[in-house]
Amino acid sequence: MNKREYTWYVEPMDDQTNATISGHVIEKSTIAECVAVKCVDNERRNLWRCNFDFVKLLHASKESLNLRFRIYNQADKGPIRRCPSFLFRKKKKRKAELKPVC
């Protein structure tokens, strides 16, 4: 079975977020571009196409920079879908517990 290739998109929800993304793209030479695409719900949206590392960086900076955005992804050449936010939550560490032998 072939490994799926994902394309990631970010939709800024306000002008501040859009300016932050575009400023980072210009300043850091991040590979991203603004594209108009049709999503699975037949809505046309202006999204930033970028790599997963940039999406993770944005999500990590969401609260500190007061960013508002939505994340979308596309598997191979399939439809562009909204990405669930639970993919970016940190997993809770479990405490190691000894189990009884008996």
Protein backbone atom coordinates (compact mmCIF):
# COMPACT_ATOMS: atom_id res chain seq x y z
CA MET A 1 0.00 0.00 0.00
CA ASN A 2 1.37 3.40 -0.97
CA LYS A 3 1.94 6.04 1.64
CA ARG A 4 -0.45 8.98 1.27
CA GLU A 5 0.94 12.41 0.57
CA TYR A 6 -0.79 15.29 2.32
CA THR A 7 -1.00 18.92 1.29
CA TRP A 8 -1.73 21.36 4.10
CA TYR A 9 -3.68 24.63 3.93
CA VAL A 10 -4.35 27.43 6.40
CA GLU A 11 -7.32 29.82 6.20
CA PRO A 12 -6.73 33.06 8.14
CA MET A 13 -9.89 34.26 9.87
CA ASP A 14 -8.81 37.89 10.26
CA ASP A 15 -6.43 40.45 8.75
CA GLN A 16 -3.94 40.21 11.63
CA THR A 17 -3.50 36.47 11.09
CA ASN A 18 -3.15 36.93 7.34
CA ALA A 19 -0.51 39.61 7.85
CA THR A 20 1.38 37.39 10.31
CA ILE A 21 1.40 34.45 7.90
CA SER A 22 2.43 36.52 4.89
CA GLY A 23 5.12 38.30 6.93
CA HIS A 24 6.56 34.99 8.10
CA VAL A 25 6.55 33.63 4.55
CA ILE A 26 8.49 36.64 3.25
CA GLU A 27 10.85 36.93 6.23
CA LYS A 28 11.76 33.26 6.73
CA SER A 29 11.53 32.08 3.11
CA THR A 30 8.92 29.54 4.15
CA ILE A 31 7.50 27.65 1.23
CA ALA A 32 3.88 28.77 1.15
CA GLU A 33 1.59 30.40 -1.34
CA CYS A 34 -1.87 31.87 -1.30
CA VAL A 35 -4.26 29.94 -3.54
CA ALA A 36 -7.99 30.01 -4.28
CA VAL A 37 -9.35 26.47 -4.05
CA LYS A 38 -12.67 24.66 -3.98
CA CYS A 39 -13.21 22.60 -0.83
CA VAL A 40 -15.28 19.48 -0.25
CA ASP A 41 -18.33 21.63 0.69
CA ASN A 42 -18.15 23.35 -2.77
CA GLU A 43 -17.06 26.67 -1.21
CA ARG A 44 -14.19 28.59 -2.80
CA ARG A 45 -11.67 29.77 -0.23
CA ASN A 46 -8.41 31.69 -0.27
CA LEU A 47 -5.99 29.45 1.59
CA TRP A 48 -2.27 29.41 2.27
CA ARG A 49 -0.74 26.17 0.95
CA CYS A 50 2.17 25.20 3.19
CA ASN A 51 4.06 22.29 4.70
CA PHE A 52 3.15 20.47 7.91
CA ASP A 53 6.02 22.01 9.90
CA PHE A 54 4.65 25.48 9.24
CA VAL A 55 1.14 24.36 10.31
CA LYS A 56 2.57 22.98 13.57
CA LEU A 57 4.47 26.24 14.16
CA LEU A 58 1.32 28.27 13.60
CA HIS A 59 -0.71 26.07 15.91
CA ALA A 60 1.93 26.34 18.63
CA SER A 61 1.90 30.16 18.31
CA LYS A 62 -1.88 30.45 18.17
CA GLU A 63 -2.47 31.75 21.69
CA SER A 64 0.70 33.76 22.18
CA LEU A 65 0.22 35.72 18.93
CA ASN A 66 -3.61 35.76 19.13
CA LEU A 67 -4.00 34.06 15.74
CA ARG A 68 -7.34 32.91 14.33
CA PHE A 69 -7.25 30.37 11.50
CA ARG A 70 -8.64 27.07 10.23
CA ILE A 71 -6.54 24.17 9.03
CA TYR A 72 -7.38 22.10 5.96
CA ASN A 73 -5.63 19.17 4.32
CA GLN A 74 -5.78 17.15 1.14
CA ALA A 75 -4.78 13.50 0.84
CA ASP A 76 -3.11 12.83 -2.50
CA LYS A 77 -5.39 14.42 -5.15
CA GLY A 78 -8.58 14.05 -3.10
CA PRO A 79 -10.91 16.79 -1.88
CA ILE A 80 -9.71 19.53 0.47
CA ARG A 81 -11.25 18.96 3.89
CA ARG A 82 -11.23 20.80 7.20
CA CYS A 83 -8.73 19.20 9.53
CA PRO A 84 -9.88 18.27 13.05
CA SER A 85 -8.05 20.20 15.76
CA PHE A 86 -7.40 17.14 17.92
CA LEU A 87 -4.51 16.23 15.61
CA PHE A 88 -2.48 19.06 17.12
CA ARG A 89 -3.21 18.53 20.82
CA LYS A 90 -0.39 17.30 23.00
CA LYS A 91 -0.87 13.82 24.37
CA LYS A 92 -1.09 13.51 28.13
CA LYS A 93 1.68 11.50 29.70
CA ARG A 94 0.54 8.50 31.67
CA LYS A 95 2.02 7.77 35.03
CA ALA A 96 3.88 4.52 35.21
CA GLU A 97 2.13 2.15 37.58
CA LEU A 98 3.18 -1.20 38.86
CA LYS A 99 0.65 -3.94 38.29
CA PRO A 100 0.09 -6.66 40.87
CA VAL A 101 1.86 -9.93 40.12
CA CYS A 102 -0.93 -12.15 41.46
